[in-house]
């Protein structure tokens, strides 16, 4: 989740036109990546 928050903040900062939307997208992508990263070690 920390990684997702960092990604969201970075995307929000780069997209000055729509920082809130960029933040939401970044957090969403970060959450998906975080879930995938958690599931991978268990499968392997």
PDB file of N, CA and C in Angstrom:
ATOM      1  N   UNK A   1       0.836  -1.206   0.000  1.00  0.00           N
ATOM      2  CA  UNK A   1       0.000   0.000   0.000  1.00  0.00           C
ATOM      3  C   UNK A   1       0.872   1.257   0.000  1.00  0.00           C
ATOM      4  N   UNK A   2       2.011   1.204   0.691  1.00  0.00           N
ATOM      5  CA  UNK A   2       2.907   2.370   0.698  1.00  0.00           C
ATOM      6  C   UNK A   2       3.406   2.653  -0.709  1.00  0.00           C
ATOM      7  N   UNK A   3       3.743   1.565  -1.424  1.00  0.00           N
ATOM      8  CA  UNK A   3       4.211   1.730  -2.798  1.00  0.00           C
ATOM      9  C   UNK A   3       3.108   2.337  -3.644  1.00  0.00           C
ATOM     10  N   UNK A   4       1.884   1.860  -3.446  1.00  0.00           N
ATOM     11  CA  UNK A   4       0.752   2.384  -4.205  1.00  0.00           C
ATOM     12  C   UNK A   4       0.533   3.857  -3.928  1.00  0.00           C
ATOM     13  N   UNK A   5       0.653   4.228  -2.658  1.00  0.00           N
ATOM     14  CA  UNK A   5       0.478   5.633  -2.287  1.00  0.00           C
ATOM     15  C   UNK A   5       1.564   6.490  -2.934  1.00  0.00           C
ATOM     16  N   UNK A   6       2.796   5.973  -2.949  1.00  0.00           N
ATOM     17  CA  UNK A   6       3.907   6.711  -3.552  1.00  0.00           C
ATOM     18  C   UNK A   6       3.675   6.872  -5.051  1.00  0.00           C
ATOM     19  N   UNK A   7       3.239   5.787  -5.695  1.00  0.00           N
ATOM     20  CA  UNK A   7       2.956   5.848  -7.134  1.00  0.00           C
ATOM     21  C   UNK A   7       1.840   6.850  -7.398  1.00  0.00           C
ATOM     22  N   UNK A   8       0.790   6.771  -6.591  1.00  0.00           N
ATOM     23  CA  UNK A   8      -0.333   7.688  -6.766  1.00  0.00           C
ATOM     24  C   UNK A   8       0.095   9.135  -6.618  1.00  0.00           C
ATOM     25  N   UNK A   9       0.939   9.406  -5.627  1.00  0.00           N
ATOM     26  CA  UNK A   9       1.421  10.773  -5.404  1.00  0.00           C
ATOM     27  C   UNK A   9       2.264  11.246  -6.590  1.00  0.00           C
ATOM     28  N   UNK A  10       3.117  10.345  -7.102  1.00  0.00           N
ATOM     29  CA  UNK A  10       3.983  10.705  -8.231  1.00  0.00           C
ATOM     30  C   UNK A  10       3.141  10.997  -9.467  1.00  0.00           C
ATOM     31  N   UNK A  11       2.162  10.123  -9.744  1.00  0.00           N
ATOM     32  CA  UNK A  11       1.299  10.323 -10.913  1.00  0.00           C
ATOM     33  C   UNK A  11       0.478  11.600 -10.740  1.00  0.00           C
ATOM     34  N   UNK A  12      -0.040  11.806  -9.519  1.00  0.00           N
ATOM     35  CA  UNK A  12      -0.821  13.012  -9.262  1.00  0.00           C
ATOM     36  C   UNK A  12       0.012  14.269  -9.445  1.00  0.00           C
ATOM     37  N   UNK A  13       1.281  14.200  -9.064  1.00  0.00           N
ATOM     38  CA  UNK A  13       2.161  15.362  -9.177  1.00  0.00           C
ATOM     39  C   UNK A  13       2.491  15.652 -10.639  1.00  0.00           C
ATOM     40  N   UNK A  14       2.627  14.587 -11.445  1.00  0.00           N
ATOM     41  CA  UNK A  14       2.988  14.787 -12.851  1.00  0.00           C
ATOM     42  C   UNK A  14       1.784  15.287 -13.645  1.00  0.00           C
ATOM     43  N   UNK A  15       0.588  14.781 -13.300  1.00  0.00           N
ATOM     44  CA  UNK A  15      -0.617  15.225 -14.009  1.00  0.00           C
ATOM     45  C   UNK A  15      -1.220  16.393 -13.242  1.00  0.00           C
ATOM     46  N   UNK A  16      -0.667  17.585 -13.475  1.00  0.00           N
ATOM     47  CA  UNK A  16      -1.111  18.770 -12.738  1.00  0.00           C
ATOM     48  C   UNK A  16      -2.547  19.132 -13.116  1.00  0.00           C
ATOM     49  N   UNK A  17      -2.955  18.766 -14.336  1.00  0.00           N
ATOM     50  CA  UNK A  17      -4.306  19.102 -14.786  1.00  0.00           C
ATOM     51  C   UNK A  17      -5.355  18.408 -13.917  1.00  0.00           C
ATOM     52  N   UNK A  18      -5.130  17.128 -13.648  1.00  0.00           N
ATOM     53  CA  UNK A  18      -6.089  16.371 -12.837  1.00  0.00           C
ATOM     54  C   UNK A  18      -5.336  15.591 -11.761  1.00  0.00           C
ATOM     55  N   UNK A  19      -4.865  16.268 -10.725  1.00  0.00           N
ATOM     56  CA  UNK A  19      -4.064  15.598  -9.684  1.00  0.00           C
ATOM     57  C   UNK A  19      -4.867  14.563  -8.915  1.00  0.00           C
ATOM     58  N   UNK A  20      -6.140  14.865  -8.631  1.00  0.00           N
ATOM     59  CA  UNK A  20      -6.956  13.926  -7.853  1.00  0.00           C
ATOM     60  C   UNK A  20      -7.193  12.642  -8.642  1.00  0.00           C
ATOM     61  N   UNK A  21      -7.519  12.786  -9.943  1.00  0.00           N
ATOM     62  CA  UNK A  21      -7.737  11.609 -10.788  1.00  0.00           C
ATOM     63  C   UNK A  21      -6.454  10.799 -10.901  1.00  0.00           C
ATOM     64  N   UNK A  22      -5.340  11.479 -11.076  1.00  0.00           N
ATOM     65  CA  UNK A  22      -4.053  10.792 -11.171  1.00  0.00           C
ATOM     66  C   UNK A  22      -3.747  10.051  -9.887  1.00  0.00           C
ATOM     67  N   UNK A  23      -4.098  10.674  -8.756  1.00  0.00           N
ATOM     68  CA  UNK A  23      -3.866  10.045  -7.456  1.00  0.00           C
ATOM     69  C   UNK A  23      -4.696   8.775  -7.331  1.00  0.00           C
ATOM     70  N   UNK A  24      -5.974   8.853  -7.707  1.00  0.00           N
ATOM     71  CA  UNK A  24      -6.861   7.680  -7.621  1.00  0.00           C
ATOM     72  C   UNK A  24      -6.340   6.552  -8.503  1.00  0.00           C
ATOM     73  N   UNK A  25      -5.960   6.894  -9.743  1.00  0.00           N
ATOM     74  CA  UNK A  25      -5.443   5.882 -10.671  1.00  0.00           C
ATOM     75  C   UNK A  25      -4.162   5.270 -10.118  1.00  0.00           C
ATOM     76  N   UNK A  26      -3.288   6.100  -9.594  1.00  0.00           N
ATOM     77  CA  UNK A  26      -2.020   5.609  -9.044  1.00  0.00           C
ATOM     78  C   UNK A  26      -2.248   4.679  -7.870  1.00  0.00           C
ATOM     79  N   UNK A  27      -3.151   5.072  -6.963  1.00  0.00           N
ATOM     80  CA  UNK A  27      -3.437   4.227  -5.795  1.00  0.00           C
ATOM     81  C   UNK A  27      -4.074   2.917  -6.240  1.00  0.00           C
ATOM     82  N   UNK A  28      -4.972   2.988  -7.227  1.00  0.00           N
ATOM     83  CA  UNK A  28      -5.623   1.775  -7.736  1.00  0.00           C
ATOM     84  C   UNK A  28      -4.602   0.820  -8.339  1.00  0.00           C
ATOM     85  N   UNK A  29      -3.724   1.354  -9.188  1.00  0.00           N
ATOM     86  CA  UNK A  29      -2.686   0.513  -9.795  1.00  0.00           C
ATOM     87  C   UNK A  29      -1.759  -0.043  -8.721  1.00  0.00           C
ATOM     88  N   UNK A  30      -1.406   0.783  -7.766  1.00  0.00           N
ATOM     89  CA  UNK A  30      -0.524   0.340  -6.681  1.00  0.00           C
ATOM     90  C   UNK A  30      -1.158  -0.785  -5.884  1.00  0.00           C
ATOM     91  N   UNK A  31      -2.474  -0.677  -5.637  1.00  0.00           N
ATOM     92  CA  UNK A  31      -3.177  -1.722  -4.886  1.00  0.00           C
ATOM     93  C   UNK A  31      -3.172  -3.029  -5.672  1.00  0.00           C
ATOM     94  N   UNK A  32      -3.428  -2.943  -6.980  1.00  0.00           N
ATOM     95  CA  UNK A  32      -3.431  -4.147  -7.819  1.00  0.00           C
ATOM     96  C   UNK A  32      -2.047  -4.788  -7.827  1.00  0.00           C
ATOM     97  N   UNK A  33      -1.024  -3.977  -7.999  1.00  0.00           N
ATOM     98  CA  UNK A  33       0.348  -4.501  -8.008  1.00  0.00           C
ATOM     99  C   UNK A  33       0.690  -5.114  -6.655  1.00  0.00           C
ATOM    100  N   UNK A  34       0.247  -4.462  -5.583  1.00  0.00           N
ATOM    101  CA  UNK A  34       0.512  -4.978  -4.239  1.00  0.00           C
ATOM    102  C   UNK A  34      -0.146  -6.329  -4.028  1.00  0.00           C
ATOM    103  N   UNK A  35      -1.399  -6.463  -4.479  1.00  0.00           N
ATOM    104  CA  UNK A  35      -2.106  -7.742  -4.331  1.00  0.00           C
ATOM    105  C   UNK A  35      -1.405  -8.821  -5.150  1.00  0.00           C
ATOM    106  N   UNK A  36      -1.003  -8.491  -6.368  1.00  0.00           N
ATOM    107  CA  UNK A  36      -0.318  -9.462  -7.228  1.00  0.00           C
ATOM    108  C   UNK A  36       1.000  -9.889  -6.590  1.00  0.00           C
ATOM    109  N   UNK A  37       1.723  -8.935  -6.014  1.00  0.00           N
ATOM    110  CA  UNK A  37       3.011  -9.244  -5.386  1.00  0.00           C
ATOM    111  C   UNK A  37       2.804 -10.149  -4.174  1.00  0.00           C
ATOM    112  N   UNK A  38       1.694  -9.964  -3.467  1.00  0.00           N
ATOM    113  CA  UNK A  38       1.429 -10.801  -2.294  1.00  0.00           C
ATOM    114  C   UNK A  38       1.065 -12.221  -2.704  1.00  0.00           C
ATOM    115  N   UNK A  39       0.344 -12.368  -3.815  1.00  0.00           N
ATOM    116  CA  UNK A  39      -0.111 -13.694  -4.243  1.00  0.00           C
ATOM    117  C   UNK A  39       1.012 -14.504  -4.890  1.00  0.00           C
ATOM    118  N   UNK A  40       1.950 -13.840  -5.552  1.00  0.00           N
ATOM    119  CA  UNK A  40       3.015 -14.553  -6.266  1.00  0.00           C
ATOM    120  C   UNK A  40       3.864 -15.446  -5.359  1.00  0.00           C
ATOM    121  N   UNK A  41       4.402 -14.940  -4.261  1.00  0.00           N
ATOM    122  CA  UNK A  41       5.259 -15.783  -3.406  1.00  0.00           C
ATOM    123  C   UNK A  41       4.513 -17.007  -2.871  1.00  0.00           C
ATOM    124  N   UNK A  42       3.239 -16.875  -2.586  1.00  0.00           N
ATOM    125  CA  UNK A  42       2.466 -18.006  -2.062  1.00  0.00           C
ATOM    126  C   UNK A  42       2.327 -19.106  -3.103  1.00  0.00           C
ATOM    127  N   UNK A  43       2.122 -18.704  -4.365  1.00  0.00           N
ATOM    128  CA  UNK A  43       1.977 -19.704  -5.430  1.00  0.00           C
ATOM    129  C   UNK A  43       3.310 -20.392  -5.692  1.00  0.00           C
ATOM    130  N   UNK A  44       4.395 -19.624  -5.653  1.00  0.00           N
ATOM    131  CA  UNK A  44       5.711 -20.197  -5.914  1.00  0.00           C
ATOM    132  C   UNK A  44       6.195 -20.825  -4.633  1.00  0.00           C
TER     133      UNK A  44
END
